[in-house]
């Protein structure tokens, strides 16, 4: 702990020495708090309820090995969790559409999951600074799609929560 003064010394090929101006640095041995623990919840967890038509997604390197896809407007996935932040892990690609996201029953975003290239295990929605209490995150397949998308599929792969 304490304050220290540092200088840099350089020598060239002729043996000439150059010294930098001194810089004062404060050193602390106090440790930083550990980063928050993130918990991954797979799409098969009982904390997630599905309504409408969901089916297993085609094979890709999904989190936990599997994911589900909705192909019909109105299909919903509702995740019940406790924490201060949540990430929806899904899929972006040329065949994906727009989902409406609700947090605790309130519409918070319409998420366009279209991408010209496939992105597996993509973070498609993030909510932070939540009260550390029980929440629900609901994803609704709207049936709408980006003008460049060839379909409107919505994929749920997993959720990450931070206490």
C-alpha atoms as a PDB file:
ATOM      1  CA  UNK A   1       0.000   0.000   0.000  1.00  0.00           C
ATOM      2  CA  UNK A   2       1.137   3.522  -0.503  1.00  0.00           C
ATOM      3  CA  UNK A   3       2.491   5.822  -3.120  1.00  0.00           C
ATOM      4  CA  UNK A   4       5.440   4.972  -5.368  1.00  0.00           C
ATOM      5  CA  UNK A   5       7.367   6.873  -8.042  1.00  0.00           C
ATOM      6  CA  UNK A   6       8.328   5.083 -11.247  1.00  0.00           C
ATOM      7  CA  UNK A   7      10.666   6.048 -14.073  1.00  0.00           C
ATOM      8  CA  UNK A   8      11.576   4.252 -17.270  1.00  0.00           C
ATOM      9  CA  UNK A   9      15.158   4.020 -18.464  1.00  0.00           C
ATOM     10  CA  UNK A  10      16.049   3.364 -22.115  1.00  0.00           C
ATOM     11  CA  UNK A  11      19.470   2.832 -23.634  1.00  0.00           C
ATOM     12  CA  UNK A  12      20.260   3.075 -27.323  1.00  0.00           C
ATOM     13  CA  UNK A  13      22.852   1.113 -29.327  1.00  0.00           C
ATOM     14  CA  UNK A  14      25.542   3.707 -28.530  1.00  0.00           C
ATOM     15  CA  UNK A  15      24.994   3.305 -24.809  1.00  0.00           C
ATOM     16  CA  UNK A  16      23.248   6.639 -24.348  1.00  0.00           C
ATOM     17  CA  UNK A  17      20.755   6.560 -21.519  1.00  0.00           C
ATOM     18  CA  UNK A  18      17.376   8.293 -21.460  1.00  0.00           C
ATOM     19  CA  UNK A  19      15.193   8.523 -18.355  1.00  0.00           C
ATOM     20  CA  UNK A  20      11.489   9.348 -18.438  1.00  0.00           C
ATOM     21  CA  UNK A  21       9.795  11.882 -16.228  1.00  0.00           C
ATOM     22  CA  UNK A  22       8.751  10.293 -12.935  1.00  0.00           C
ATOM     23  CA  UNK A  23       5.186   9.030 -12.551  1.00  0.00           C
ATOM     24  CA  UNK A  24       3.562   8.587  -9.156  1.00  0.00           C
ATOM     25  CA  UNK A  25       1.253   5.620  -8.686  1.00  0.00           C
ATOM     26  CA  UNK A  26      -0.882   4.611  -5.737  1.00  0.00           C
ATOM     27  CA  UNK A  27      -0.780   0.931  -4.836  1.00  0.00           C
ATOM     28  CA  UNK A  28      -3.520  -0.761  -2.903  1.00  0.00           C
ATOM     29  CA  UNK A  29      -3.541  -4.318  -1.665  1.00  0.00           C
ATOM     30  CA  UNK A  30      -7.298  -4.250  -1.216  1.00  0.00           C
ATOM     31  CA  UNK A  31      -8.985  -6.919  -3.280  1.00  0.00           C
ATOM     32  CA  UNK A  32     -11.774  -6.103  -5.679  1.00  0.00           C
ATOM     33  CA  UNK A  33     -15.152  -7.627  -4.968  1.00  0.00           C
ATOM     34  CA  UNK A  34     -15.689 -10.845  -6.896  1.00  0.00           C
ATOM     35  CA  UNK A  35     -17.671 -10.524 -10.119  1.00  0.00           C
ATOM     36  CA  UNK A  36     -21.342 -11.424  -9.775  1.00  0.00           C
ATOM     37  CA  UNK A  37     -22.215 -15.060 -10.313  1.00  0.00           C
ATOM     38  CA  UNK A  38     -24.130 -15.701 -13.504  1.00  0.00           C
ATOM     39  CA  UNK A  39     -26.444 -18.710 -13.582  1.00  0.00           C
ATOM     40  CA  UNK A  40     -27.323 -20.323 -16.917  1.00  0.00           C
ATOM     41  CA  UNK A  41     -30.854 -21.751 -17.101  1.00  0.00           C
ATOM     42  CA  UNK A  42     -31.463 -24.059 -20.071  1.00  0.00           C
ATOM     43  CA  UNK A  43     -34.681 -23.979 -22.096  1.00  0.00           C
ATOM     44  CA  UNK A  44     -35.755 -27.331 -20.596  1.00  0.00           C
ATOM     45  CA  UNK A  45     -35.808 -25.971 -17.012  1.00  0.00           C
ATOM     46  CA  UNK A  46     -39.204 -26.147 -15.252  1.00  0.00           C
ATOM     47  CA  UNK A  47     -38.981 -22.403 -14.498  1.00  0.00           C
ATOM     48  CA  UNK A  48     -39.851 -21.868 -18.179  1.00  0.00           C
ATOM     49  CA  UNK A  49     -43.388 -22.493 -19.382  1.00  0.00           C
ATOM     50  CA  UNK A  50     -44.399 -22.649 -23.011  1.00  0.00           C
ATOM     51  CA  UNK A  51     -47.727 -22.065 -24.715  1.00  0.00           C
ATOM     52  CA  UNK A  52     -48.463 -22.445 -28.396  1.00  0.00           C
ATOM     53  CA  UNK A  53     -46.345 -24.416 -30.813  1.00  0.00           C
ATOM     54  CA  UNK A  54     -42.694 -24.937 -29.850  1.00  0.00           C
ATOM     55  CA  UNK A  55     -40.521 -27.719 -31.230  1.00  0.00           C
ATOM     56  CA  UNK A  56     -36.901 -28.786 -30.839  1.00  0.00           C
ATOM     57  CA  UNK A  57     -34.619 -26.577 -32.924  1.00  0.00           C
ATOM     58  CA  UNK A  58     -32.474 -28.066 -35.684  1.00  0.00           C
ATOM     59  CA  UNK A  59     -29.062 -29.282 -34.477  1.00  0.00           C
ATOM     60  CA  UNK A  60     -26.511 -26.547 -33.850  1.00  0.00           C
ATOM     61  CA  UNK A  61     -24.023 -25.909 -31.006  1.00  0.00           C
ATOM     62  CA  UNK A  62     -26.805 -24.877 -28.591  1.00  0.00           C
ATOM     63  CA  UNK A  63     -26.198 -24.197 -24.928  1.00  0.00           C
ATOM     64  CA  UNK A  64     -26.816 -27.493 -23.144  1.00  0.00           C
ATOM     65  CA  UNK A  65     -27.097 -29.213 -26.528  1.00  0.00           C
ATOM     66  CA  UNK A  66     -30.691 -28.236 -27.384  1.00  0.00           C
ATOM     67  CA  UNK A  67     -32.985 -25.260 -28.008  1.00  0.00           C
ATOM     68  CA  UNK A  68     -36.621 -24.741 -28.978  1.00  0.00           C
ATOM     69  CA  UNK A  69     -38.116 -22.806 -31.870  1.00  0.00           C
ATOM     70  CA  UNK A  70     -41.521 -21.205 -32.378  1.00  0.00           C
ATOM     71  CA  UNK A  71     -42.946 -21.022 -35.885  1.00  0.00           C
ATOM     72  CA  UNK A  72     -46.482 -19.815 -35.115  1.00  0.00           C
ATOM     73  CA  UNK A  73     -47.491 -16.297 -34.100  1.00  0.00           C
ATOM     74  CA  UNK A  74     -48.656 -16.086 -30.503  1.00  0.00           C
ATOM     75  CA  UNK A  75     -46.376 -18.829 -29.157  1.00  0.00           C
ATOM     76  CA  UNK A  76     -45.031 -17.767 -25.757  1.00  0.00           C
ATOM     77  CA  UNK A  77     -42.158 -18.723 -23.478  1.00  0.00           C
ATOM     78  CA  UNK A  78     -42.332 -17.382 -19.907  1.00  0.00           C
ATOM     79  CA  UNK A  79     -39.304 -17.581 -17.627  1.00  0.00           C
ATOM     80  CA  UNK A  80     -39.797 -17.093 -13.878  1.00  0.00           C
ATOM     81  CA  UNK A  81     -36.622 -16.018 -12.060  1.00  0.00           C
ATOM     82  CA  UNK A  82     -35.203 -14.046  -9.166  1.00  0.00           C
ATOM     83  CA  UNK A  83     -32.299 -11.711  -9.843  1.00  0.00           C
ATOM     84  CA  UNK A  84     -31.069  -8.274 -10.809  1.00  0.00           C
ATOM     85  CA  UNK A  85     -30.441  -9.003 -14.495  1.00  0.00           C
ATOM     86  CA  UNK A  86     -31.486 -11.465 -17.162  1.00  0.00           C
ATOM     87  CA  UNK A  87     -30.199 -12.265 -20.651  1.00  0.00           C
ATOM     88  CA  UNK A  88     -32.246 -14.179 -23.210  1.00  0.00           C
ATOM     89  CA  UNK A  89     -29.897 -16.477 -25.105  1.00  0.00           C
ATOM     90  CA  UNK A  90     -31.315 -17.295 -28.506  1.00  0.00           C
ATOM     91  CA  UNK A  91     -30.471 -17.276 -32.178  1.00  0.00           C
ATOM     92  CA  UNK A  92     -30.033 -14.664 -34.864  1.00  0.00           C
ATOM     93  CA  UNK A  93     -30.125 -15.594 -38.524  1.00  0.00           C
ATOM     94  CA  UNK A  94     -31.589 -14.994 -41.964  1.00  0.00           C
ATOM     95  CA  UNK A  95     -34.666 -17.078 -41.024  1.00  0.00           C
ATOM     96  CA  UNK A  96     -35.599 -15.420 -37.721  1.00  0.00           C
ATOM     97  CA  UNK A  97     -38.206 -12.825 -36.880  1.00  0.00           C
ATOM     98  CA  UNK A  98     -39.418 -10.336 -34.314  1.00  0.00           C
ATOM     99  CA  UNK A  99     -40.357 -11.210 -30.733  1.00  0.00           C
ATOM    100  CA  UNK A 100     -42.243  -9.047 -28.268  1.00  0.00           C
ATOM    101  CA  UNK A 101     -40.651  -9.152 -24.820  1.00  0.00           C
ATOM    102  CA  UNK A 102     -42.546  -8.525 -21.587  1.00  0.00           C
ATOM    103  CA  UNK A 103     -40.926  -8.042 -18.187  1.00  0.00           C
ATOM    104  CA  UNK A 104     -43.267  -8.530 -15.251  1.00  0.00           C
ATOM    105  CA  UNK A 105     -46.244  -8.218 -17.596  1.00  0.00           C
ATOM    106  CA  UNK A 106     -45.133  -4.962 -19.258  1.00  0.00           C
ATOM    107  CA  UNK A 107     -43.970  -4.751 -22.881  1.00  0.00           C
ATOM    108  CA  UNK A 108     -40.322  -3.672 -22.788  1.00  0.00           C
ATOM    109  CA  UNK A 109     -39.094  -4.370 -26.329  1.00  0.00           C
ATOM    110  CA  UNK A 110     -39.765  -5.713 -29.778  1.00  0.00           C
ATOM    111  CA  UNK A 111     -36.610  -7.661 -30.589  1.00  0.00           C
ATOM    112  CA  UNK A 112     -35.645  -8.187 -34.233  1.00  0.00           C
ATOM    113  CA  UNK A 113     -33.555 -11.374 -34.257  1.00  0.00           C
ATOM    114  CA  UNK A 114     -32.721 -11.141 -37.975  1.00  0.00           C
ATOM    115  CA  UNK A 115     -29.061 -11.333 -38.955  1.00  0.00           C
ATOM    116  CA  UNK A 116     -27.615 -12.030 -42.418  1.00  0.00           C
ATOM    117  CA  UNK A 117     -25.411 -14.705 -40.809  1.00  0.00           C
ATOM    118  CA  UNK A 118     -26.292 -17.278 -38.167  1.00  0.00           C
ATOM    119  CA  UNK A 119     -25.375 -16.457 -34.569  1.00  0.00           C
ATOM    120  CA  UNK A 120     -25.871 -19.407 -32.210  1.00  0.00           C
ATOM    121  CA  UNK A 121     -26.093 -18.736 -28.441  1.00  0.00           C
ATOM    122  CA  UNK A 122     -26.590 -15.042 -29.194  1.00  0.00           C
ATOM    123  CA  UNK A 123     -27.610 -12.662 -26.429  1.00  0.00           C
ATOM    124  CA  UNK A 124     -30.759 -11.262 -28.022  1.00  0.00           C
ATOM    125  CA  UNK A 125     -32.229  -9.375 -25.050  1.00  0.00           C
ATOM    126  CA  UNK A 126     -30.790  -7.955 -21.806  1.00  0.00           C
ATOM    127  CA  UNK A 127     -32.548  -6.458 -18.787  1.00  0.00           C
ATOM    128  CA  UNK A 128     -30.393  -4.994 -16.008  1.00  0.00           C
ATOM    129  CA  UNK A 129     -30.786  -3.010 -12.797  1.00  0.00           C
ATOM    130  CA  UNK A 130     -33.812  -5.042 -11.726  1.00  0.00           C
ATOM    131  CA  UNK A 131     -34.947  -5.230  -8.116  1.00  0.00           C
ATOM    132  CA  UNK A 132     -33.596  -8.397  -6.506  1.00  0.00           C
ATOM    133  CA  UNK A 133     -36.980 -10.074  -6.367  1.00  0.00           C
ATOM    134  CA  UNK A 134     -39.127 -12.470  -8.415  1.00  0.00           C
ATOM    135  CA  UNK A 135     -39.699 -11.579 -12.064  1.00  0.00           C
ATOM    136  CA  UNK A 136     -41.167 -13.042 -15.229  1.00  0.00           C
ATOM    137  CA  UNK A 137     -39.749 -12.578 -18.701  1.00  0.00           C
ATOM    138  CA  UNK A 138     -42.154 -13.498 -21.489  1.00  0.00           C
ATOM    139  CA  UNK A 139     -41.148 -13.884 -25.125  1.00  0.00           C
ATOM    140  CA  UNK A 140     -43.964 -13.831 -27.673  1.00  0.00           C
ATOM    141  CA  UNK A 141     -43.491 -14.770 -31.310  1.00  0.00           C
ATOM    142  CA  UNK A 142     -45.190 -11.950 -33.226  1.00  0.00           C
ATOM    143  CA  UNK A 143     -45.129 -13.616 -36.635  1.00  0.00           C
ATOM    144  CA  UNK A 144     -43.517 -10.444 -37.965  1.00  0.00           C
ATOM    145  CA  UNK A 145     -40.111 -10.367 -39.599  1.00  0.00           C
ATOM    146  CA  UNK A 146     -37.467  -8.044 -40.906  1.00  0.00           C
ATOM    147  CA  UNK A 147     -37.876  -7.261 -44.634  1.00  0.00           C
ATOM    148  CA  UNK A 148     -34.619  -9.169 -45.257  1.00  0.00           C
ATOM    149  CA  UNK A 149     -35.612 -12.279 -43.299  1.00  0.00           C
ATOM    150  CA  UNK A 150     -36.923 -15.373 -45.089  1.00  0.00           C
ATOM    151  CA  UNK A 151     -39.038 -16.481 -42.079  1.00  0.00           C
ATOM    152  CA  UNK A 152     -40.134 -15.348 -38.614  1.00  0.00           C
ATOM    153  CA  UNK A 153     -38.816 -18.135 -36.343  1.00  0.00           C
ATOM    154  CA  UNK A 154     -37.979 -17.339 -32.710  1.00  0.00           C
ATOM    155  CA  UNK A 155     -35.508 -19.474 -30.745  1.00  0.00           C
ATOM    156  CA  UNK A 156     -35.131 -19.885 -26.994  1.00  0.00           C
ATOM    157  CA  UNK A 157     -31.836 -21.523 -26.072  1.00  0.00           C
ATOM    158  CA  UNK A 158     -31.242 -20.433 -22.445  1.00  0.00           C
ATOM    159  CA  UNK A 159     -31.336 -17.567 -19.974  1.00  0.00           C
ATOM    160  CA  UNK A 160     -28.540 -16.097 -17.880  1.00  0.00           C
ATOM    161  CA  UNK A 161     -29.484 -14.528 -14.551  1.00  0.00           C
ATOM    162  CA  UNK A 162     -27.420 -12.519 -12.088  1.00  0.00           C
ATOM    163  CA  UNK A 163     -28.461 -12.390  -8.441  1.00  0.00           C
END
